[in-house]
Amino acid sequence: MGVLENKARARTFYKYLSKVYDRINPFIWDEEMRDEAIEMLDIQPSDHVLDVGCGTGFATEALLTKTDNVYGLDQSAHQLEKAYAKFGKRGPVRFHRGDAERLPFADDSFDVVWSSGSIEYWPNPVDALEELRRITKPGGQVLVVGPDYPNNTVFQKMADAIMLFYDEEEADRMFTQAGYQNFEHHIQQSRPGSPRAITTVAQVPE
C-alpha cells in the first residue's frame, strides 16, 4: 500500500496541496481530458450526478454544464473550502464531506456517479467501487479516472510506494470483484510524455 493510501496522511497531503491544486492539476488532468471523459457518459438534463472526491470542483464545474442536479463529496475539508469559494456553500452544487468507502447516500440515489483523481488514495478500492455501484440506479453509469501504471521500472517502484497506480488488467479485476459486468477502459493523456490516466466507464446492472 502506498504512503498516501492512508486516509489521515491523504488529508494532511491535501491540506497543503489544496493551496496550489488548481495550478498543478492541469499538467496532469486538463480540461480537454476532463471534457473528453464527460462525453463518454450519457448525462441527461434531469439526471442526478455525484462527483466523488470532488476536490476543488474541477470536474464538478463541467458536470454542471450537463445538469443542474450535481452533488460533490470529498473527505478533505481544505479541498471543500476551495470548492465553496467557487460555488458557494449553498450554491448550485450540494456538497458533502465523506468517505468513498462509506458514502452517506441511500441505495439507487444517482443516475451517474463520477470520480476523477480519487481512487488512487482509496485504501480499499473494491469496497469503494461497490459503494459507487450501490448508490447508482440500475442501468446508471459510473465513471472512474485513476493513474495508469507506468511502463518504466523506476517509475513503477516510485508509484507503488506513493499510491495506487493500476493497469487495465487490474482495473478488470477491481470492477469485476465490485460487481460490475459491463465496463470499458480508455487511456487518456494530456500530451506525449505526460502521465496517463485510465478512465473506466461502467454500467450498473439492471
N, C-alpha and C. Protein backbone atom coordinates (compact mmCIF):
# COMPACT_ATOMS: atom_id res chain seq x y z
N MET A 1 0.85 -1.20 0.00
CA MET A 1 0.00 0.00 0.00
C MET A 1 0.88 1.24 0.00
N GLY A 2 0.57 2.20 -0.89
CA GLY A 2 1.35 3.42 -0.97
C GLY A 2 1.12 4.32 0.23
N VAL A 3 2.08 5.22 0.44
CA VAL A 3 2.04 6.06 1.64
C VAL A 3 0.78 6.93 1.71
N LEU A 4 0.22 7.31 0.55
CA LEU A 4 -0.97 8.16 0.55
C LEU A 4 -2.27 7.38 0.52
N GLU A 5 -2.17 6.03 0.50
CA GLU A 5 -3.39 5.22 0.61
C GLU A 5 -3.74 5.02 2.10
N ASN A 6 -3.63 6.10 2.80
CA ASN A 6 -3.94 6.16 4.23
C ASN A 6 -4.73 7.45 4.40
N LYS A 7 -5.91 7.35 4.96
CA LYS A 7 -6.82 8.50 4.96
C LYS A 7 -6.28 9.69 5.71
N ALA A 8 -5.64 9.46 6.85
CA ALA A 8 -5.10 10.58 7.63
C ALA A 8 -3.98 11.27 6.87
N ARG A 9 -3.07 10.47 6.28
CA ARG A 9 -1.97 11.07 5.53
C ARG A 9 -2.48 11.78 4.27
N ALA A 10 -3.50 11.20 3.64
CA ALA A 10 -4.07 11.84 2.45
C ALA A 10 -4.70 13.19 2.80
N ARG A 11 -5.38 13.26 3.96
CA ARG A 11 -5.99 14.53 4.38
C ARG A 11 -4.91 15.58 4.63
N THR A 12 -3.82 15.17 5.28
CA THR A 12 -2.71 16.11 5.52
C THR A 12 -2.10 16.57 4.21
N PHE A 13 -1.91 15.62 3.28
CA PHE A 13 -1.36 15.94 1.97
C PHE A 13 -2.21 16.99 1.27
N TYR A 14 -3.54 16.80 1.29
CA TYR A 14 -4.42 17.74 0.60
C TYR A 14 -4.59 19.06 1.34
N LYS A 15 -4.28 19.07 2.62
CA LYS A 15 -4.31 20.34 3.36
C LYS A 15 -3.36 21.34 2.71
N TYR A 16 -2.20 20.84 2.28
CA TYR A 16 -1.20 21.71 1.66
C TYR A 16 -1.37 21.79 0.15
N LEU A 17 -1.75 20.66 -0.48
CA LEU A 17 -1.92 20.67 -1.93
C LEU A 17 -3.08 21.57 -2.35
N SER A 18 -4.10 21.69 -1.49
CA SER A 18 -5.27 22.48 -1.86
C SER A 18 -4.91 23.93 -2.20
N LYS A 19 -3.81 24.41 -1.63
CA LYS A 19 -3.39 25.80 -1.87
C LYS A 19 -2.96 26.03 -3.32
N VAL A 20 -2.43 24.97 -3.97
CA VAL A 20 -1.90 25.12 -5.33
C VAL A 20 -2.54 24.13 -6.31
N TYR A 21 -3.54 23.40 -5.85
CA TYR A 21 -4.11 22.30 -6.64
C TYR A 21 -4.56 22.75 -8.03
N ASP A 22 -5.28 23.85 -8.10
CA ASP A 22 -5.82 24.28 -9.38
C ASP A 22 -4.75 24.75 -10.36
N ARG A 23 -3.54 25.05 -9.86
CA ARG A 23 -2.45 25.42 -10.76
C ARG A 23 -1.66 24.19 -11.21
N ILE A 24 -1.60 23.17 -10.37
CA ILE A 24 -0.83 21.96 -10.70
C ILE A 24 -1.64 20.97 -11.51
N ASN A 25 -2.92 20.82 -11.18
CA ASN A 25 -3.76 19.79 -11.77
C ASN A 25 -3.77 19.78 -13.30
N PRO A 26 -3.84 20.95 -13.99
CA PRO A 26 -3.91 20.92 -15.45
C PRO A 26 -2.72 20.27 -16.14
N PHE A 27 -1.59 20.14 -15.46
CA PHE A 27 -0.43 19.48 -16.07
C PHE A 27 -0.62 17.96 -16.14
N ILE A 28 -1.57 17.45 -15.35
CA ILE A 28 -1.81 16.01 -15.29
C ILE A 28 -3.18 15.64 -15.85
N TRP A 29 -4.17 16.42 -15.46
CA TRP A 29 -5.57 16.15 -15.82
C TRP A 29 -6.17 17.48 -16.25
N ASP A 30 -6.18 17.74 -17.56
CA ASP A 30 -6.56 19.07 -18.03
C ASP A 30 -8.02 19.12 -18.49
N GLU A 31 -8.45 20.29 -18.91
CA GLU A 31 -9.85 20.48 -19.29
C GLU A 31 -10.23 19.60 -20.48
N GLU A 32 -9.33 19.47 -21.44
CA GLU A 32 -9.64 18.66 -22.61
C GLU A 32 -9.87 17.20 -22.23
N MET A 33 -9.03 16.66 -21.35
CA MET A 33 -9.19 15.28 -20.89
C MET A 33 -10.50 15.14 -20.11
N ARG A 34 -10.76 16.10 -19.22
CA ARG A 34 -11.99 16.07 -18.42
C ARG A 34 -13.22 16.09 -19.32
N ASP A 35 -13.22 17.00 -20.30
CA ASP A 35 -14.38 17.12 -21.18
C ASP A 35 -14.55 15.89 -22.07
N GLU A 36 -13.43 15.31 -22.48
CA GLU A 36 -13.48 14.08 -23.26
C GLU A 36 -14.12 12.95 -22.43
N ALA A 37 -13.76 12.88 -21.16
CA ALA A 37 -14.32 11.85 -20.28
C ALA A 37 -15.82 12.08 -20.08
N ILE A 38 -16.23 13.32 -19.91
CA ILE A 38 -17.65 13.62 -19.71
C ILE A 38 -18.47 13.18 -20.91
N GLU A 39 -17.89 13.32 -22.11
CA GLU A 39 -18.62 12.92 -23.32
C GLU A 39 -18.74 11.40 -23.44
N MET A 40 -18.01 10.65 -22.63
CA MET A 40 -18.17 9.19 -22.60
C MET A 40 -19.45 8.78 -21.89
N LEU A 41 -20.06 9.74 -21.18
CA LEU A 41 -21.27 9.48 -20.42
C LEU A 41 -22.50 10.02 -21.15
N ASP A 42 -23.62 9.45 -20.85
CA ASP A 42 -24.89 9.92 -21.40
C ASP A 42 -25.65 10.63 -20.29
N ILE A 43 -25.26 11.87 -20.01
CA ILE A 43 -25.88 12.64 -18.93
C ILE A 43 -27.03 13.45 -19.49
N GLN A 44 -28.22 13.23 -18.91
CA GLN A 44 -29.41 13.96 -19.32
C GLN A 44 -29.65 15.15 -18.37
N PRO A 45 -30.33 16.20 -18.84
CA PRO A 45 -30.54 17.39 -18.01
C PRO A 45 -31.24 17.09 -16.67
N SER A 46 -32.03 16.04 -16.62
CA SER A 46 -32.76 15.72 -15.38
C SER A 46 -31.97 14.77 -14.46
N ASP A 47 -30.82 14.30 -14.90
CA ASP A 47 -30.05 13.33 -14.12
C ASP A 47 -29.48 13.93 -12.84
N HIS A 48 -29.38 13.10 -11.82
CA HIS A 48 -28.70 13.46 -10.58
C HIS A 48 -27.30 12.84 -10.63
N VAL A 49 -26.28 13.68 -10.49
CA VAL A 49 -24.89 13.27 -10.69
C VAL A 49 -24.09 13.57 -9.43
N LEU A 50 -23.30 12.61 -8.99
CA LEU A 50 -22.42 12.79 -7.83
C LEU A 50 -20.97 12.76 -8.27
N ASP A 51 -20.20 13.74 -7.80
CA ASP A 51 -18.75 13.79 -8.03
C ASP A 51 -18.06 13.36 -6.74
N VAL A 52 -17.54 12.13 -6.73
CA VAL A 52 -16.88 11.57 -5.54
C VAL A 52 -15.40 11.93 -5.56
N GLY A 53 -14.93 12.56 -4.48
CA GLY A 53 -13.57 13.09 -4.47
C GLY A 53 -13.51 14.35 -5.31
N CYS A 54 -14.49 15.22 -5.12
CA CYS A 54 -14.65 16.39 -5.98
C CYS A 54 -13.53 17.40 -5.85
N GLY A 55 -12.79 17.35 -4.73
CA GLY A 55 -11.69 18.29 -4.55
C GLY A 55 -12.16 19.73 -4.62
N THR A 56 -11.46 20.53 -5.41
CA THR A 56 -11.80 21.95 -5.52
C THR A 56 -12.92 22.22 -6.53
N GLY A 57 -13.40 21.16 -7.19
CA GLY A 57 -14.54 21.32 -8.09
C GLY A 57 -14.19 21.41 -9.56
N PHE A 58 -13.02 20.89 -9.94
CA PHE A 58 -12.59 20.97 -11.34
C PHE A 58 -13.54 20.20 -12.25
N ALA A 59 -13.88 18.97 -11.89
CA ALA A 59 -14.84 18.20 -12.68
C ALA A 59 -16.26 18.66 -12.42
N THR A 60 -16.54 19.03 -11.18
CA THR A 60 -17.89 19.47 -10.80
C THR A 60 -18.37 20.60 -11.70
N GLU A 61 -17.48 21.53 -11.97
CA GLU A 61 -17.80 22.69 -12.80
C GLU A 61 -18.29 22.27 -14.18
N ALA A 62 -17.61 21.28 -14.77
CA ALA A 62 -18.00 20.81 -16.11
C ALA A 62 -19.28 19.99 -16.06
N LEU A 63 -19.48 19.23 -14.99
CA LEU A 63 -20.71 18.43 -14.86
C LEU A 63 -21.94 19.34 -14.80
N LEU A 64 -21.77 20.53 -14.26
CA LEU A 64 -22.88 21.48 -14.18
C LEU A 64 -23.35 21.96 -15.55
N THR A 65 -22.53 21.78 -16.58
CA THR A 65 -22.96 22.16 -17.93
C THR A 65 -23.92 21.13 -18.51
N LYS A 66 -24.01 19.95 -17.87
CA LYS A 66 -24.86 18.87 -18.36
C LYS A 66 -26.18 18.77 -17.59
N THR A 67 -26.15 19.10 -16.30
CA THR A 67 -27.34 19.00 -15.46
C THR A 67 -27.21 19.96 -14.28
N ASP A 68 -28.33 20.40 -13.77
CA ASP A 68 -28.33 21.27 -12.59
C ASP A 68 -28.28 20.47 -11.29
N ASN A 69 -28.44 19.15 -11.39
CA ASN A 69 -28.53 18.31 -10.20
C ASN A 69 -27.19 17.65 -9.89
N VAL A 70 -26.24 18.46 -9.44
CA VAL A 70 -24.88 17.97 -9.19
C VAL A 70 -24.57 18.01 -7.70
N TYR A 71 -23.99 16.93 -7.22
CA TYR A 71 -23.57 16.80 -5.82
C TYR A 71 -22.07 16.57 -5.80
N GLY A 72 -21.40 17.08 -4.77
CA GLY A 72 -19.97 16.85 -4.62
C GLY A 72 -19.65 16.29 -3.25
N LEU A 73 -18.70 15.37 -3.20
CA LEU A 73 -18.28 14.77 -1.93
C LEU A 73 -16.77 14.69 -1.88
N ASP A 74 -16.20 15.05 -0.74
CA ASP A 74 -14.75 14.93 -0.55
C ASP A 74 -14.47 14.74 0.94
N GLN A 75 -13.37 14.05 1.24
CA GLN A 75 -13.02 13.84 2.65
C GLN A 75 -12.17 14.98 3.20
N SER A 76 -11.64 15.83 2.30
CA SER A 76 -10.75 16.91 2.72
C SER A 76 -11.51 18.22 2.94
N ALA A 77 -11.51 18.71 4.17
CA ALA A 77 -12.16 19.99 4.47
C ALA A 77 -11.48 21.13 3.72
N HIS A 78 -10.16 21.02 3.53
CA HIS A 78 -9.42 22.09 2.86
C HIS A 78 -9.76 22.15 1.36
N GLN A 79 -9.92 20.98 0.73
CA GLN A 79 -10.34 20.98 -0.67
C GLN A 79 -11.76 21.52 -0.81
N LEU A 80 -12.63 21.14 0.12
CA LEU A 80 -14.01 21.62 0.06
C LEU A 80 -14.10 23.12 0.26
N GLU A 81 -13.24 23.68 1.09
CA GLU A 81 -13.23 25.14 1.27
C GLU A 81 -12.96 25.84 -0.05
N LYS A 82 -12.06 25.26 -0.85
CA LYS A 82 -11.77 25.83 -2.17
C LYS A 82 -12.99 25.70 -3.09
N ALA A 83 -13.68 24.57 -2.97
CA ALA A 83 -14.89 24.38 -3.78
C ALA A 83 -15.98 25.36 -3.37
N TYR A 84 -16.13 25.58 -2.05
CA TYR A 84 -17.13 26.55 -1.58
C TYR A 84 -16.85 27.94 -2.13
N ALA A 85 -15.57 28.28 -2.23
CA ALA A 85 -15.20 29.60 -2.74
C ALA A 85 -15.64 29.77 -4.20
N LYS A 86 -15.68 28.67 -4.94
CA LYS A 86 -16.10 28.73 -6.34
C LYS A 86 -17.62 28.74 -6.49
N PHE A 87 -18.28 27.86 -5.74
CA PHE A 87 -19.71 27.63 -5.96
C PHE A 87 -20.61 28.14 -4.85
N GLY A 88 -20.02 28.45 -3.68
CA GLY A 88 -20.82 28.79 -2.52
C GLY A 88 -21.21 27.54 -1.76
N LYS A 89 -21.39 27.66 -0.45
CA LYS A 89 -21.76 26.50 0.36
C LYS A 89 -23.17 26.03 0.04
N ARG A 90 -24.01 26.95 -0.34
CA ARG A 90 -25.39 26.59 -0.67
C ARG A 90 -25.73 27.09 -2.06
N GLY A 91 -24.80 26.90 -2.96
CA GLY A 91 -25.00 27.31 -4.34
C GLY A 91 -25.58 26.20 -5.19
N PRO A 92 -25.19 26.11 -6.45
CA PRO A 92 -25.77 25.13 -7.36
C PRO A 92 -25.36 23.69 -7.08
N VAL A 93 -24.27 23.51 -6.31
CA VAL A 93 -23.78 22.16 -6.00
C VAL A 93 -24.09 21.84 -4.54
N ARG A 94 -24.60 20.64 -4.30
CA ARG A 94 -24.87 20.20 -2.93
C ARG A 94 -23.65 19.41 -2.44
N PHE A 95 -22.89 20.02 -1.55
CA PHE A 95 -21.63 19.42 -1.10
C PHE A 95 -21.81 18.59 0.17
N HIS A 96 -21.02 17.53 0.25
CA HIS A 96 -20.99 16.66 1.43
C HIS A 96 -19.54 16.33 1.74
N ARG A 97 -19.23 16.23 3.02
CA ARG A 97 -17.92 15.73 3.41
C ARG A 97 -18.08 14.26 3.79
N GLY A 98 -17.29 13.40 3.18
CA GLY A 98 -17.47 11.98 3.44
C GLY A 98 -16.41 11.12 2.80
N ASP A 99 -16.56 9.84 3.01
CA ASP A 99 -15.59 8.82 2.64
C ASP A 99 -16.14 7.98 1.50
N ALA A 100 -15.34 7.75 0.48
CA ALA A 100 -15.80 6.96 -0.67
C ALA A 100 -16.16 5.53 -0.29
N GLU A 101 -15.57 5.03 0.78
CA GLU A 101 -15.84 3.65 1.19
C GLU A 101 -17.09 3.54 2.08
N ARG A 102 -17.64 4.68 2.50
CA ARG A 102 -18.86 4.70 3.30
C ARG A 102 -19.67 5.93 2.89
N LEU A 103 -20.26 5.87 1.73
CA LEU A 103 -20.94 7.03 1.18
C LEU A 103 -22.25 7.31 1.92
N PRO A 104 -22.50 8.58 2.25
CA PRO A 104 -23.68 8.93 3.05
C PRO A 104 -24.94 9.12 2.21
N PHE A 105 -25.21 8.16 1.32
CA PHE A 105 -26.37 8.26 0.44
C PHE A 105 -27.10 6.92 0.41
N ALA A 106 -28.39 6.99 0.16
CA ALA A 106 -29.20 5.77 0.07
C ALA A 106 -28.92 5.03 -1.23
N ASP A 107 -29.32 3.77 -1.26
CA ASP A 107 -29.20 2.97 -2.48
C ASP A 107 -29.93 3.67 -3.63
N ASP A 108 -29.38 3.51 -4.84
CA ASP A 108 -30.06 3.98 -6.06
C ASP A 108 -30.37 5.47 -6.02
N SER A 109 -29.45 6.28 -5.52
CA SER A 109 -29.70 7.72 -5.38
C SER A 109 -29.36 8.52 -6.64
N PHE A 110 -28.44 8.02 -7.46
CA PHE A 110 -27.91 8.83 -8.56
C PHE A 110 -28.01 8.10 -9.90
N ASP A 111 -28.15 8.90 -10.95
CA ASP A 111 -28.14 8.36 -12.31
C ASP A 111 -26.72 8.14 -12.80
N VAL A 112 -25.83 9.03 -12.38
CA VAL A 112 -24.42 8.96 -12.78
C VAL A 112 -23.55 9.26 -11.57
N VAL A 113 -22.50 8.47 -11.40
CA VAL A 113 -21.50 8.76 -10.36
C VAL A 113 -20.15 8.89 -11.05
N TRP A 114 -19.49 9.99 -10.77
CA TRP A 114 -18.20 10.34 -11.38
C TRP A 114 -17.15 10.40 -10.29
N SER A 115 -15.95 9.93 -10.58
CA SER A 115 -14.83 10.10 -9.65
C SER A 115 -13.54 10.19 -10.43
N SER A 116 -12.87 11.33 -10.35
CA SER A 116 -11.60 11.50 -11.06
C SER A 116 -10.52 11.95 -10.07
N GLY A 117 -9.38 11.27 -10.13
CA GLY A 117 -8.26 11.64 -9.27
C GLY A 117 -8.49 11.32 -7.81
N SER A 118 -9.26 10.27 -7.53
CA SER A 118 -9.57 9.93 -6.14
C SER A 118 -9.23 8.48 -5.81
N ILE A 119 -9.46 7.56 -6.75
CA ILE A 119 -9.28 6.14 -6.48
C ILE A 119 -7.87 5.81 -6.01
N GLU A 120 -6.89 6.59 -6.45
CA GLU A 120 -5.51 6.29 -6.08
C GLU A 120 -5.23 6.46 -4.59
N TYR A 121 -6.15 7.12 -3.88
CA TYR A 121 -5.99 7.34 -2.44
C TYR A 121 -6.87 6.40 -1.60
N TRP A 122 -7.67 5.57 -2.26
CA TRP A 122 -8.59 4.69 -1.53
C TRP A 122 -7.85 3.47 -0.99
N PRO A 123 -7.81 3.26 0.32
CA PRO A 123 -7.14 2.07 0.86
C PRO A 123 -7.76 0.77 0.38
N ASN A 124 -9.08 0.79 0.17
CA ASN A 124 -9.80 -0.42 -0.27
C ASN A 124 -10.64 -0.07 -1.49
N PRO A 125 -10.01 0.00 -2.66
CA PRO A 125 -10.73 0.48 -3.85
C PRO A 125 -11.93 -0.37 -4.24
N VAL A 126 -11.86 -1.68 -4.04
CA VAL A 126 -13.01 -2.52 -4.39
C VAL A 126 -14.21 -2.18 -3.52
N ASP A 127 -13.97 -1.94 -2.22
CA ASP A 127 -15.06 -1.54 -1.33
C ASP A 127 -15.71 -0.24 -1.81
N ALA A 128 -14.87 0.71 -2.22
CA ALA A 128 -15.40 1.99 -2.69
C ALA A 128 -16.15 1.83 -4.01
N LEU A 129 -15.64 0.99 -4.90
CA LEU A 129 -16.34 0.75 -6.16
C LEU A 129 -17.70 0.09 -5.91
N GLU A 130 -17.77 -0.77 -4.91
CA GLU A 130 -19.05 -1.36 -4.53
C GLU A 130 -20.01 -0.28 -4.03
N GLU A 131 -19.48 0.68 -3.28
CA GLU A 131 -20.31 1.78 -2.79
C GLU A 131 -20.82 2.64 -3.95
N LEU A 132 -19.97 2.90 -4.93
CA LEU A 132 -20.41 3.67 -6.09
C LEU A 132 -21.54 2.94 -6.81
N ARG A 133 -21.41 1.63 -6.92
CA ARG A 133 -22.45 0.83 -7.56
C ARG A 133 -23.73 0.86 -6.73
N ARG A 134 -23.61 0.79 -5.42
CA ARG A 134 -24.77 0.76 -4.53
C ARG A 134 -25.64 2.00 -4.67
N ILE A 135 -25.00 3.16 -4.77
CA ILE A 135 -25.76 4.41 -4.78
C ILE A 135 -26.22 4.82 -6.18
N THR A 136 -25.80 4.05 -7.21
CA THR A 136 -26.19 4.35 -8.58
C THR A 136 -27.41 3.52 -8.97
N LYS A 137 -28.35 4.15 -9.63
CA LYS A 137 -29.57 3.46 -10.05
C LYS A 137 -29.26 2.34 -11.03
N PRO A 138 -30.03 1.27 -11.02
CA PRO A 138 -29.84 0.21 -12.02
C PRO A 138 -29.90 0.79 -13.43
N GLY A 139 -28.92 0.42 -14.25
CA GLY A 139 -28.83 0.97 -15.59
C GLY A 139 -28.06 2.27 -15.67
N GLY A 140 -27.71 2.83 -14.50
CA GLY A 140 -26.94 4.07 -14.46
C GLY A 140 -25.47 3.84 -14.78
N GLN A 141 -24.72 4.93 -14.80
CA GLN A 141 -23.31 4.86 -15.18
C GLN A 141 -22.39 5.31 -14.06
N VAL A 142 -21.24 4.65 -13.98
CA VAL A 142 -20.18 5.02 -13.05
C VAL A 142 -18.92 5.25 -13.87
N LEU A 143 -18.29 6.40 -13.67
CA LEU A 143 -17.02 6.70 -14.35
C LEU A 143 -15.95 6.95 -13.31
N VAL A 144 -14.83 6.26 -13.45
CA VAL A 144 -13.72 6.40 -12.51
C VAL A 144 -12.44 6.66 -13.29
N VAL A 145 -11.73 7.71 -12.91
CA VAL A 145 -10.45 8.05 -13.52
C VAL A 145 -9.34 7.85 -12.50
N GLY A 146 -8.32 7.09 -12.86
CA GLY A 146 -7.17 6.88 -11.99
C GLY A 146 -5.89 6.94 -12.79
N PRO A 147 -4.74 6.86 -12.12
CA PRO A 147 -3.46 6.93 -12.82
C PRO A 147 -3.07 5.57 -13.42
N ASP A 148 -2.78 5.59 -14.72
CA ASP A 148 -2.36 4.38 -15.41
C ASP A 148 -0.97 3.97 -14.94
N TYR A 149 -0.77 2.66 -14.79
CA TYR A 149 0.51 2.14 -14.29
C TYR A 149 1.63 2.46 -15.27
N PRO A 150 2.72 3.08 -14.81
CA PRO A 150 3.80 3.46 -15.73
C PRO A 150 4.54 2.24 -16.29
N ASN A 151 5.16 2.43 -17.45
CA ASN A 151 5.92 1.35 -18.08
C ASN A 151 7.34 1.24 -17.55
N ASN A 152 7.90 2.37 -17.14
CA ASN A 152 9.28 2.41 -16.67
C ASN A 152 9.41 1.77 -15.29
N THR A 153 10.40 0.87 -15.12
CA THR A 153 10.57 0.14 -13.87
C THR A 153 10.82 1.06 -12.69
N VAL A 154 11.63 2.08 -12.88
CA VAL A 154 11.93 3.03 -11.80
C VAL A 154 10.66 3.75 -11.37
N PHE A 155 9.89 4.22 -12.36
CA PHE A 155 8.64 4.92 -12.04
C PHE A 155 7.63 3.97 -11.40
N GLN A 156 7.67 2.70 -11.79
CA GLN A 156 6.77 1.72 -11.17
C GLN A 156 7.03 1.61 -9.67
N LYS A 157 8.32 1.56 -9.30
CA LYS A 157 8.67 1.44 -7.88
C LYS A 157 8.26 2.69 -7.12
N MET A 158 8.45 3.85 -7.75
CA MET A 158 8.03 5.10 -7.10
C MET A 158 6.52 5.14 -6.95
N ALA A 159 5.81 4.71 -8.00
CA ALA A 159 4.35 4.74 -7.97
C ALA A 159 3.82 3.83 -6.87
N ASP A 160 4.37 2.62 -6.78
CA ASP A 160 3.91 1.66 -5.77
C ASP A 160 4.12 2.18 -4.36
N ALA A 161 5.15 2.99 -4.17
CA ALA A 161 5.47 3.50 -2.84
C ALA A 161 4.57 4.65 -2.42
N ILE A 162 3.95 5.31 -3.40
CA ILE A 162 3.19 6.51 -3.09
C ILE A 162 1.69 6.25 -2.98
N MET A 163 1.10 5.68 -4.03
CA MET A 163 -0.34 5.48 -4.03
C MET A 163 -0.70 4.43 -5.09
N LEU A 164 -1.97 4.21 -5.31
CA LEU A 164 -2.41 3.18 -6.23
C LEU A 164 -2.28 3.64 -7.68
N PHE A 165 -1.47 2.90 -8.44
CA PHE A 165 -1.44 3.02 -9.89
C PHE A 165 -1.87 1.65 -10.41
N TYR A 166 -2.61 1.59 -11.51
CA TYR A 166 -3.09 0.30 -11.97
C TYR A 166 -3.25 0.28 -13.49
N ASP A 167 -3.15 -0.93 -14.05
CA ASP A 167 -3.32 -1.09 -15.48
C ASP A 167 -4.71 -1.65 -15.79
N GLU A 168 -4.97 -1.92 -17.07
CA GLU A 168 -6.29 -2.38 -17.47
C GLU A 168 -6.62 -3.75 -16.86
N GLU A 169 -5.63 -4.60 -16.73
CA GLU A 169 -5.88 -5.92 -16.13
C GLU A 169 -6.32 -5.79 -14.68
N GLU A 170 -5.65 -4.91 -13.94
CA GLU A 170 -6.02 -4.70 -12.54
C GLU A 170 -7.39 -4.01 -12.46
N ALA A 171 -7.66 -3.10 -13.38
CA ALA A 171 -8.97 -2.46 -13.42
C ALA A 171 -10.06 -3.49 -13.67
N ASP A 172 -9.81 -4.43 -14.58
CA ASP A 172 -10.77 -5.52 -14.82
C ASP A 172 -11.07 -6.27 -13.52
N ARG A 173 -10.01 -6.58 -12.79
CA ARG A 173 -10.17 -7.34 -11.55
C ARG A 173 -11.00 -6.57 -10.54
N MET A 174 -10.66 -5.30 -10.34
CA MET A 174 -11.35 -4.50 -9.33
C MET A 174 -12.82 -4.31 -9.66
N PHE A 175 -13.11 -3.95 -10.90
CA PHE A 175 -14.50 -3.69 -11.26
C PHE A 175 -15.33 -4.97 -11.25
N THR A 176 -14.74 -6.06 -11.70
CA THR A 176 -15.46 -7.34 -11.67
C THR A 176 -15.74 -7.77 -10.24
N GLN A 177 -14.73 -7.63 -9.38
CA GLN A 177 -14.90 -8.01 -7.98
C GLN A 177 -15.94 -7.14 -7.29
N ALA A 178 -16.07 -5.90 -7.75
CA ALA A 178 -17.05 -4.98 -7.16
C ALA A 178 -18.46 -5.18 -7.71
N GLY A 179 -18.63 -6.14 -8.62
CA GLY A 179 -19.97 -6.47 -9.08
C GLY A 179 -20.40 -5.87 -10.40
N TYR A 180 -19.48 -5.23 -11.11
CA TYR A 180 -19.82 -4.67 -12.42
C TYR A 180 -19.63 -5.75 -13.49
N GLN A 181 -20.49 -5.73 -14.49
CA GLN A 181 -20.41 -6.70 -15.57
C GLN A 181 -20.04 -6.06 -16.90
N ASN A 182 -20.54 -4.86 -17.13
CA ASN A 182 -20.27 -4.16 -18.40
C ASN A 182 -19.45 -2.90 -18.12
N PHE A 183 -18.23 -2.89 -18.61
CA PHE A 183 -17.37 -1.71 -18.45
C PHE A 183 -16.31 -1.71 -19.54
N GLU A 184 -15.76 -0.52 -19.77
CA GLU A 184 -14.67 -0.38 -20.74
C GLU A 184 -13.68 0.66 -20.25
N HIS A 185 -12.42 0.48 -20.65
CA HIS A 185 -11.35 1.36 -20.21
C HIS A 185 -10.85 2.22 -21.38
N HIS A 186 -10.47 3.44 -21.05
CA HIS A 186 -9.90 4.36 -22.04
C HIS A 186 -8.62 4.96 -21.44
N ILE A 187 -7.56 5.00 -22.21
CA ILE A 187 -6.33 5.65 -21.76
C ILE A 187 -6.32 7.08 -22.28
N GLN A 188 -6.15 8.02 -21.36
CA GLN A 188 -6.12 9.45 -21.72
C GLN A 188 -4.78 10.05 -21.33
N GLN A 189 -4.36 11.03 -22.09
CA GLN A 189 -3.06 11.66 -21.84
C GLN A 189 -3.11 13.10 -22.32
N SER A 190 -2.57 14.01 -21.51
CA SER A 190 -2.60 15.43 -21.85
C SER A 190 -1.72 15.73 -23.06
N ARG A 191 -0.52 15.15 -23.08
CA ARG A 191 0.43 15.38 -24.16
C ARG A 191 1.47 14.27 -24.09
N PRO A 192 2.21 14.02 -25.17
CA PRO A 192 3.22 12.96 -25.15
C PRO A 192 4.21 13.14 -24.00
N GLY A 193 4.43 12.06 -23.26
CA GLY A 193 5.37 12.11 -22.15
C GLY A 193 4.76 12.48 -20.81
N SER A 194 3.52 12.98 -20.82
CA SER A 194 2.87 13.34 -19.56
C SER A 194 2.23 12.09 -18.95
N PRO A 195 1.89 12.12 -17.65
CA PRO A 195 1.26 10.96 -17.02
C PRO A 195 -0.04 10.58 -17.72
N ARG A 196 -0.30 9.30 -17.81
CA ARG A 196 -1.51 8.80 -18.45
C ARG A 196 -2.58 8.50 -17.40
N ALA A 197 -3.82 8.71 -17.81
CA ALA A 197 -4.96 8.37 -16.95
C ALA A 197 -5.68 7.16 -17.54
N ILE A 198 -6.19 6.31 -16.69
CA ILE A 198 -7.04 5.21 -17.12
C ILE A 198 -8.47 5.53 -16.68
N THR A 199 -9.35 5.68 -17.65
CA THR A 199 -10.73 6.09 -17.40
C THR A 199 -11.65 4.91 -17.69
N THR A 200 -12.38 4.48 -16.69
CA THR A 200 -13.29 3.35 -16.82
C THR A 200 -14.73 3.83 -16.75
N VAL A 201 -15.51 3.43 -17.73
CA VAL A 201 -16.94 3.71 -17.73
C VAL A 201 -17.68 2.39 -17.55
N ALA A 202 -18.48 2.30 -16.51
CA ALA A 202 -19.19 1.06 -16.18
C ALA A 202 -20.68 1.32 -16.10
N GLN A 203 -21.44 0.33 -16.50
CA GLN A 203 -22.90 0.41 -16.35
C GLN A 203 -23.31 -0.47 -15.18
N VAL A 204 -24.17 0.07 -14.35
CA VAL A 204 -24.66 -0.67 -13.19
C VAL A 204 -25.71 -1.67 -13.67
N PRO A 205 -25.60 -2.94 -13.27
CA PRO A 205 -26.56 -3.95 -13.72
C PRO A 205 -28.00 -3.58 -13.37
N GLU A 206 -28.90 -3.87 -14.29
CA GLU A 206 -30.33 -3.58 -14.06
C GLU A 206 -30.99 -4.74 -13.32
